[in-house]
Amino acid sequence: MGLFNKKTKNKQPKKDMEVLAWEKEIKKYISENHLQDLYTDENEEAINQVAIASAAKGTIPVFQDSGIRTIYAEQLVLEAQNWMQIRQNDRLIKQNDEIIKLLKENK
């Protein structure tokens, strides 16, 4: 009776641990790339997907082929540059919004 009537309470906490692990990776990615200001409801899902994909690519540097390591390093540089440009564009958009607001107030 006890063997077949076990409750599956252990499965839910395991799933919660997996979710917590991914949330930790996402928060780490956001912090490392200084994306706190960009992490809004509008783009939360996109940033989460990028963060998860970024966490999964951590296995690439174990390859011994120098060509693969070079491509990996170039990809990391491009990723960093893209986030830098996204942050700069976000700042420009906010500044433009502020200028428009001030111009409307002065009319």
Protein backbone atom coordinates (compact mmCIF):
# COMPACT_ATOMS: atom_id res chain seq x y z
CA MET A 1 0.00 0.00 0.00
CA GLY A 2 2.78 2.43 0.85
CA LEU A 3 4.73 1.68 -2.33
CA PHE A 4 1.95 2.63 -4.74
CA ASN A 5 0.33 5.47 -2.80
CA LYS A 6 3.36 7.72 -2.58
CA LYS A 7 2.61 11.33 -3.28
CA THR A 8 4.71 13.09 -5.87
CA LYS A 9 5.60 16.05 -3.68
CA ASN A 10 9.28 15.64 -4.52
CA LYS A 11 8.73 16.42 -8.21
CA GLN A 12 7.38 19.92 -7.66
CA PRO A 13 10.30 21.17 -5.54
CA LYS A 14 12.72 19.76 -8.14
CA LYS A 15 10.95 21.73 -10.84
CA ASP A 16 11.04 24.81 -8.65
CA MET A 17 14.78 24.31 -8.22
CA GLU A 18 15.22 24.20 -12.00
CA VAL A 19 13.20 27.38 -12.40
CA LEU A 20 15.23 29.04 -9.65
CA ALA A 21 18.45 27.96 -11.35
CA TRP A 22 17.35 29.53 -14.65
CA GLU A 23 16.20 32.67 -12.87
CA LYS A 24 19.61 32.87 -11.22
CA GLU A 25 21.31 32.55 -14.63
CA ILE A 26 19.05 35.23 -16.08
CA LYS A 27 19.77 37.62 -13.20
CA LYS A 28 23.49 36.93 -13.54
CA TYR A 29 23.37 37.63 -17.28
CA ILE A 30 21.43 40.85 -16.77
CA SER A 31 23.89 42.00 -14.12
CA GLU A 32 27.01 41.11 -16.15
CA ASN A 33 25.71 42.96 -19.21
CA HIS A 34 24.24 45.92 -17.28
CA LEU A 35 20.74 45.37 -18.64
CA GLN A 36 18.74 46.31 -15.54
CA ASP A 37 17.30 49.42 -17.22
CA LEU A 38 16.39 47.47 -20.36
CA TYR A 39 14.71 44.57 -18.56
CA THR A 40 11.08 45.66 -18.87
CA ASP A 41 7.80 43.88 -19.51
CA GLU A 42 8.14 44.65 -23.22
CA ASN A 43 11.39 42.76 -23.72
CA GLU A 44 11.55 40.47 -20.70
CA GLU A 45 10.93 37.33 -22.75
CA ALA A 46 13.54 38.21 -25.37
CA ILE A 47 16.23 38.94 -22.78
CA ASN A 48 15.33 35.74 -20.92
CA GLN A 49 15.80 33.71 -24.10
CA VAL A 50 19.14 35.35 -24.84
CA ALA A 51 20.29 34.78 -21.26
CA ILE A 52 19.32 31.10 -21.37
CA ALA A 53 21.06 30.63 -24.73
CA SER A 54 24.11 32.42 -23.37
CA ALA A 55 24.21 30.11 -20.35
CA ALA A 56 24.02 27.10 -22.64
CA LYS A 57 26.97 28.22 -24.77
CA GLY A 58 29.34 27.87 -21.83
CA THR A 59 30.27 24.41 -23.06
CA ILE A 60 31.95 25.71 -26.22
CA PRO A 61 35.35 26.72 -24.77
CA VAL A 62 36.14 23.10 -23.89
CA PHE A 63 36.93 22.42 -27.54
CA GLN A 64 40.60 22.22 -28.33
CA ASP A 65 40.31 23.47 -31.90
CA SER A 66 41.77 26.96 -32.08
CA GLY A 67 39.39 27.91 -34.89
CA ILE A 68 36.34 27.15 -32.78
CA ARG A 69 37.82 29.04 -29.83
CA THR A 70 38.47 32.03 -32.12
CA ILE A 71 34.91 32.01 -33.44
CA TYR A 72 33.62 31.72 -29.88
CA ALA A 73 35.74 34.69 -28.77
CA GLU A 74 34.54 36.77 -31.73
CA GLN A 75 30.94 35.89 -30.91
CA LEU A 76 31.44 37.04 -27.32
CA VAL A 77 32.84 40.35 -28.54
CA LEU A 78 29.93 40.85 -30.94
CA GLU A 79 27.45 40.05 -28.20
CA ALA A 80 29.05 42.61 -25.88
CA GLN A 81 29.06 45.22 -28.66
CA ASN A 82 25.40 44.56 -29.43
CA TRP A 83 24.39 45.08 -25.80
CA MET A 84 26.47 48.26 -25.68
CA GLN A 85 24.66 49.59 -28.74
CA ILE A 86 21.29 48.60 -27.33
CA ARG A 87 22.05 50.46 -24.09
CA GLN A 88 23.22 53.54 -26.03
CA ASN A 89 20.09 53.49 -28.18
CA ASP A 90 17.93 53.16 -25.08
CA ARG A 91 19.63 56.21 -23.54
CA LEU A 92 19.09 58.19 -26.75
CA ILE A 93 15.42 57.25 -26.84
CA LYS A 94 14.98 58.36 -23.23
CA GLN A 95 16.82 61.62 -23.90
CA ASN A 96 14.71 62.28 -26.99
CA ASP A 97 11.54 61.63 -25.02
CA GLU A 98 12.70 64.10 -22.38
CA ILE A 99 13.51 66.74 -25.03
CA ILE A 100 10.09 66.28 -26.65
CA LYS A 101 8.42 66.62 -23.26
CA LEU A 102 10.33 69.85 -22.49
CA LEU A 103 9.56 71.30 -25.92
CA LYS A 104 5.86 70.60 -25.48
CA GLU A 105 5.89 72.27 -22.07
CA ASN A 106 7.51 75.42 -23.50
CA LYS A 107 4.91 75.95 -26.26
